[in-house]
Amino acid sequence: MSEFKGLLMGMFIIAILYVLDRYLPKWFGAIPGIAFLLLMVYIIFTKDQSLLTKLTLLIVGEAILNGIWLEALGDRKKKASKEIEKMKAKDISRKNNTF
Protein backbone atom coordinates (compact mmCIF):
# COMPACT_ATOMS: atom_id res chain seq x y z
CA MET A 1 0.00 0.00 0.00
CA SER A 2 2.93 2.32 0.66
CA GLU A 3 4.06 2.20 -3.00
CA PHE A 4 0.54 3.05 -4.15
CA LYS A 5 0.37 5.93 -1.70
CA GLY A 6 3.70 7.25 -2.99
CA LEU A 7 2.49 6.97 -6.59
CA LEU A 8 -0.69 8.86 -5.77
CA MET A 9 1.30 11.55 -3.98
CA GLY A 10 3.61 11.91 -6.99
CA MET A 11 0.67 12.18 -9.39
CA PHE A 12 -0.95 14.77 -7.12
CA ILE A 13 2.23 16.86 -7.03
CA ILE A 14 2.60 16.68 -10.82
CA ALA A 15 -1.02 17.79 -11.27
CA ILE A 16 -0.48 20.74 -8.95
CA LEU A 17 2.70 21.74 -10.78
CA TYR A 18 0.92 21.55 -14.12
CA VAL A 19 -1.91 23.80 -12.96
CA LEU A 20 0.48 26.28 -11.33
CA ASP A 21 2.66 26.42 -14.45
CA ARG A 22 -0.38 27.30 -16.54
CA TYR A 23 -1.51 30.22 -14.40
CA LEU A 24 1.55 31.63 -12.63
CA PRO A 25 4.31 33.64 -14.33
CA LYS A 26 6.54 31.85 -16.84
CA TRP A 27 9.59 31.86 -14.57
CA PHE A 28 7.75 29.91 -11.87
CA GLY A 29 8.23 26.64 -13.75
CA ALA A 30 11.98 26.78 -13.12
CA ILE A 31 11.58 26.72 -9.33
CA PRO A 32 10.48 23.05 -8.97
CA GLY A 33 13.29 21.92 -11.27
CA ILE A 34 15.91 23.82 -9.27
CA ALA A 35 14.48 22.57 -5.97
CA PHE A 36 14.51 18.97 -7.24
CA LEU A 37 18.09 19.34 -8.44
CA LEU A 38 19.20 20.65 -5.04
CA LEU A 39 17.34 17.85 -3.27
CA MET A 40 18.96 15.23 -5.48
CA VAL A 41 22.44 16.70 -4.93
CA TYR A 42 21.80 16.51 -1.19
CA ILE A 43 20.61 12.89 -1.50
CA ILE A 44 23.58 11.92 -3.68
CA PHE A 45 26.02 13.07 -1.02
CA THR A 46 24.16 11.88 2.08
CA LYS A 47 22.33 8.61 1.25
CA ASP A 48 24.00 5.27 0.81
CA GLN A 49 22.57 3.97 -2.47
CA SER A 50 24.10 3.26 -5.84
CA LEU A 51 25.13 6.32 -7.79
CA LEU A 52 23.51 4.97 -10.96
CA THR A 53 20.11 4.79 -9.25
CA LYS A 54 20.42 8.34 -7.97
CA LEU A 55 21.53 9.72 -11.33
CA THR A 56 18.71 7.90 -13.11
CA LEU A 57 16.19 9.37 -10.69
CA LEU A 58 17.73 12.82 -11.18
CA ILE A 59 17.55 12.62 -14.98
CA VAL A 60 14.03 11.19 -15.10
CA GLY A 61 12.74 13.65 -12.49
CA GLU A 62 14.23 16.66 -14.24
CA ALA A 63 12.89 15.46 -17.59
CA ILE A 64 9.38 15.19 -16.16
CA LEU A 65 9.49 18.58 -14.42
CA ASN A 66 10.96 20.36 -17.43
CA GLY A 67 8.52 18.58 -19.75
CA ILE A 68 5.59 19.87 -17.71
CA TRP A 69 7.06 23.38 -17.77
CA LEU A 70 7.70 23.37 -21.52
CA GLU A 71 4.24 21.99 -22.24
CA ALA A 72 2.65 24.74 -20.17
CA LEU A 73 4.73 27.36 -22.01
CA GLY A 74 3.60 25.91 -25.35
CA ASP A 75 -0.03 25.99 -24.24
CA ARG A 76 0.34 29.63 -23.21
CA LYS A 77 1.86 30.51 -26.58
CA LYS A 78 -0.98 28.77 -28.46
CA LYS A 79 -3.58 30.54 -26.33
CA ALA A 80 -1.94 33.93 -26.92
CA SER A 81 -1.77 33.37 -30.67
CA LYS A 82 -5.45 32.39 -30.76
CA GLU A 83 -6.36 35.55 -28.87
CA ILE A 84 -4.29 37.66 -31.28
CA GLU A 85 -6.04 36.04 -34.25
CA LYS A 86 -9.44 36.81 -32.69
CA MET A 87 -8.42 40.43 -32.13
CA LYS A 88 -7.21 40.73 -35.73
CA ALA A 89 -10.49 39.28 -36.98
CA LYS A 90 -12.46 41.80 -34.91
CA ASP A 91 -10.33 44.66 -36.23
CA ILE A 92 -10.89 43.54 -39.82
CA SER A 93 -14.64 43.24 -39.28
CA ARG A 94 -14.78 46.73 -37.73
CA LYS A 95 -12.89 48.21 -40.67
CA ASN A 96 -15.27 46.55 -43.12
CA ASN A 97 -18.32 47.82 -41.22
CA THR A 98 -17.21 51.45 -41.21
CA PHE A 99 -17.20 51.77 -45.01
C-alpha atoms as a PDB file:
ATOM      1  CA  MET A   1       0.000   0.000   0.000  1.00  0.00           C
ATOM      2  CA  SER A   2       2.930   2.325   0.663  1.00  0.00           C
ATOM      3  CA  GLU A   3       4.064   2.202  -2.997  1.00  0.00           C
ATOM      4  CA  PHE A   4       0.543   3.048  -4.149  1.00  0.00           C
ATOM      5  CA  LYS A   5       0.371   5.931  -1.701  1.00  0.00           C
ATOM      6  CA  GLY A   6       3.702   7.253  -2.993  1.00  0.00           C
ATOM      7  CA  LEU A   7       2.491   6.967  -6.585  1.00  0.00           C
ATOM      8  CA  LEU A   8      -0.694   8.860  -5.774  1.00  0.00           C
ATOM      9  CA  MET A   9       1.296  11.552  -3.983  1.00  0.00           C
ATOM     10  CA  GLY A  10       3.611  11.909  -6.992  1.00  0.00           C
ATOM     11  CA  MET A  11       0.674  12.185  -9.393  1.00  0.00           C
ATOM     12  CA  PHE A  12      -0.947  14.769  -7.124  1.00  0.00           C
ATOM     13  CA  ILE A  13       2.232  16.864  -7.030  1.00  0.00           C
ATOM     14  CA  ILE A  14       2.599  16.675 -10.821  1.00  0.00           C
ATOM     15  CA  ALA A  15      -1.020  17.786 -11.274  1.00  0.00           C
ATOM     16  CA  ILE A  16      -0.484  20.740  -8.950  1.00  0.00           C
ATOM     17  CA  LEU A  17       2.699  21.743 -10.782  1.00  0.00           C
ATOM     18  CA  TYR A  18       0.917  21.552 -14.125  1.00  0.00           C
ATOM     19  CA  VAL A  19      -1.914  23.801 -12.956  1.00  0.00           C
ATOM     20  CA  LEU A  20       0.478  26.278 -11.332  1.00  0.00           C
ATOM     21  CA  ASP A  21       2.657  26.424 -14.453  1.00  0.00           C
ATOM     22  CA  ARG A  22      -0.379  27.303 -16.541  1.00  0.00           C
ATOM     23  CA  TYR A  23      -1.512  30.225 -14.396  1.00  0.00           C
ATOM     24  CA  LEU A  24       1.550  31.630 -12.632  1.00  0.00           C
ATOM     25  CA  PRO A  25       4.312  33.645 -14.334  1.00  0.00           C
ATOM     26  CA  LYS A  26       6.538  31.849 -16.838  1.00  0.00           C
ATOM     27  CA  TRP A  27       9.585  31.864 -14.572  1.00  0.00           C
ATOM     28  CA  PHE A  28       7.748  29.906 -11.867  1.00  0.00           C
ATOM     29  CA  GLY A  29       8.226  26.644 -13.754  1.00  0.00           C
ATOM     30  CA  ALA A  30      11.977  26.782 -13.121  1.00  0.00           C
ATOM     31  CA  ILE A  31      11.583  26.724  -9.329  1.00  0.00           C
ATOM     32  CA  PRO A  32      10.476  23.047  -8.967  1.00  0.00           C
ATOM     33  CA  GLY A  33      13.287  21.920 -11.272  1.00  0.00           C
ATOM     34  CA  ILE A  34      15.909  23.816  -9.272  1.00  0.00           C
ATOM     35  CA  ALA A  35      14.481  22.571  -5.967  1.00  0.00           C
ATOM     36  CA  PHE A  36      14.509  18.972  -7.236  1.00  0.00           C
ATOM     37  CA  LEU A  37      18.095  19.345  -8.436  1.00  0.00           C
ATOM     38  CA  LEU A  38      19.201  20.654  -5.037  1.00  0.00           C
ATOM     39  CA  LEU A  39      17.337  17.848  -3.266  1.00  0.00           C
ATOM     40  CA  MET A  40      18.960  15.226  -5.478  1.00  0.00           C
ATOM     41  CA  VAL A  41      22.436  16.699  -4.934  1.00  0.00           C
ATOM     42  CA  TYR A  42      21.797  16.507  -1.191  1.00  0.00           C
ATOM     43  CA  ILE A  43      20.610  12.889  -1.499  1.00  0.00           C
ATOM     44  CA  ILE A  44      23.583  11.923  -3.682  1.00  0.00           C
ATOM     45  CA  PHE A  45      26.023  13.073  -1.020  1.00  0.00           C
ATOM     46  CA  THR A  46      24.157  11.877   2.082  1.00  0.00           C
ATOM     47  CA  LYS A  47      22.325   8.612   1.253  1.00  0.00           C
ATOM     48  CA  ASP A  48      24.002   5.270   0.811  1.00  0.00           C
ATOM     49  CA  GLN A  49      22.571   3.971  -2.468  1.00  0.00           C
ATOM     50  CA  SER A  50      24.098   3.255  -5.843  1.00  0.00           C
ATOM     51  CA  LEU A  51      25.134   6.319  -7.794  1.00  0.00           C
ATOM     52  CA  LEU A  52      23.513   4.969 -10.960  1.00  0.00           C
ATOM     53  CA  THR A  53      20.113   4.789  -9.248  1.00  0.00           C
ATOM     54  CA  LYS A  54      20.424   8.336  -7.967  1.00  0.00           C
ATOM     55  CA  LEU A  55      21.529   9.720 -11.329  1.00  0.00           C
ATOM     56  CA  THR A  56      18.710   7.895 -13.112  1.00  0.00           C
ATOM     57  CA  LEU A  57      16.191   9.368 -10.690  1.00  0.00           C
ATOM     58  CA  LEU A  58      17.734  12.818 -11.183  1.00  0.00           C
ATOM     59  CA  ILE A  59      17.552  12.619 -14.980  1.00  0.00           C
ATOM     60  CA  VAL A  60      14.034  11.191 -15.101  1.00  0.00           C
ATOM     61  CA  GLY A  61      12.738  13.649 -12.494  1.00  0.00           C
ATOM     62  CA  GLU A  62      14.230  16.664 -14.240  1.00  0.00           C
ATOM     63  CA  ALA A  63      12.891  15.456 -17.588  1.00  0.00           C
ATOM     64  CA  ILE A  64       9.379  15.188 -16.161  1.00  0.00           C
ATOM     65  CA  LEU A  65       9.491  18.576 -14.422  1.00  0.00           C
ATOM     66  CA  ASN A  66      10.957  20.360 -17.435  1.00  0.00           C
ATOM     67  CA  GLY A  67       8.520  18.584 -19.746  1.00  0.00           C
ATOM     68  CA  ILE A  68       5.592  19.874 -17.714  1.00  0.00           C
ATOM     69  CA  TRP A  69       7.057  23.379 -17.772  1.00  0.00           C
ATOM     70  CA  LEU A  70       7.698  23.366 -21.524  1.00  0.00           C
ATOM     71  CA  GLU A  71       4.236  21.988 -22.243  1.00  0.00           C
ATOM     72  CA  ALA A  72       2.650  24.743 -20.168  1.00  0.00           C
ATOM     73  CA  LEU A  73       4.729  27.359 -22.012  1.00  0.00           C
ATOM     74  CA  GLY A  74       3.599  25.911 -25.350  1.00  0.00           C
ATOM     75  CA  ASP A  75      -0.030  25.990 -24.238  1.00  0.00           C
ATOM     76  CA  ARG A  76       0.339  29.630 -23.215  1.00  0.00           C
ATOM     77  CA  LYS A  77       1.861  30.507 -26.584  1.00  0.00           C
ATOM     78  CA  LYS A  78      -0.981  28.768 -28.457  1.00  0.00           C
ATOM     79  CA  LYS A  79      -3.575  30.537 -26.333  1.00  0.00           C
ATOM     80  CA  ALA A  80      -1.944  33.927 -26.917  1.00  0.00           C
ATOM     81  CA  SER A  81      -1.768  33.374 -30.675  1.00  0.00           C
ATOM     82  CA  LYS A  82      -5.449  32.389 -30.763  1.00  0.00           C
ATOM     83  CA  GLU A  83      -6.361  35.553 -28.872  1.00  0.00           C
ATOM     84  CA  ILE A  84      -4.288  37.657 -31.279  1.00  0.00           C
ATOM     85  CA  GLU A  85      -6.039  36.039 -34.247  1.00  0.00           C
ATOM     86  CA  LYS A  86      -9.438  36.812 -32.694  1.00  0.00           C
ATOM     87  CA  MET A  87      -8.418  40.427 -32.125  1.00  0.00           C
ATOM     88  CA  LYS A  88      -7.215  40.726 -35.734  1.00  0.00           C
ATOM     89  CA  ALA A  89     -10.493  39.283 -36.976  1.00  0.00           C
ATOM     90  CA  LYS A  90     -12.462  41.798 -34.913  1.00  0.00           C
ATOM     91  CA  ASP A  91     -10.333  44.660 -36.227  1.00  0.00           C
ATOM     92  CA  ILE A  92     -10.892  43.544 -39.816  1.00  0.00           C
ATOM     93  CA  SER A  93     -14.637  43.243 -39.277  1.00  0.00           C
ATOM     94  CA  ARG A  94     -14.782  46.727 -37.727  1.00  0.00           C
ATOM     95  CA  LYS A  95     -12.891  48.208 -40.671  1.00  0.00           C
ATOM     96  CA  ASN A  96     -15.269  46.546 -43.117  1.00  0.00           C
ATOM     97  CA  ASN A  97     -18.323  47.819 -41.218  1.00  0.00           C
ATOM     98  CA  THR A  98     -17.206  51.450 -41.212  1.00  0.00           C
ATOM     99  CA  PHE A  99     -17.198  51.775 -45.012  1.00  0.00           C
END
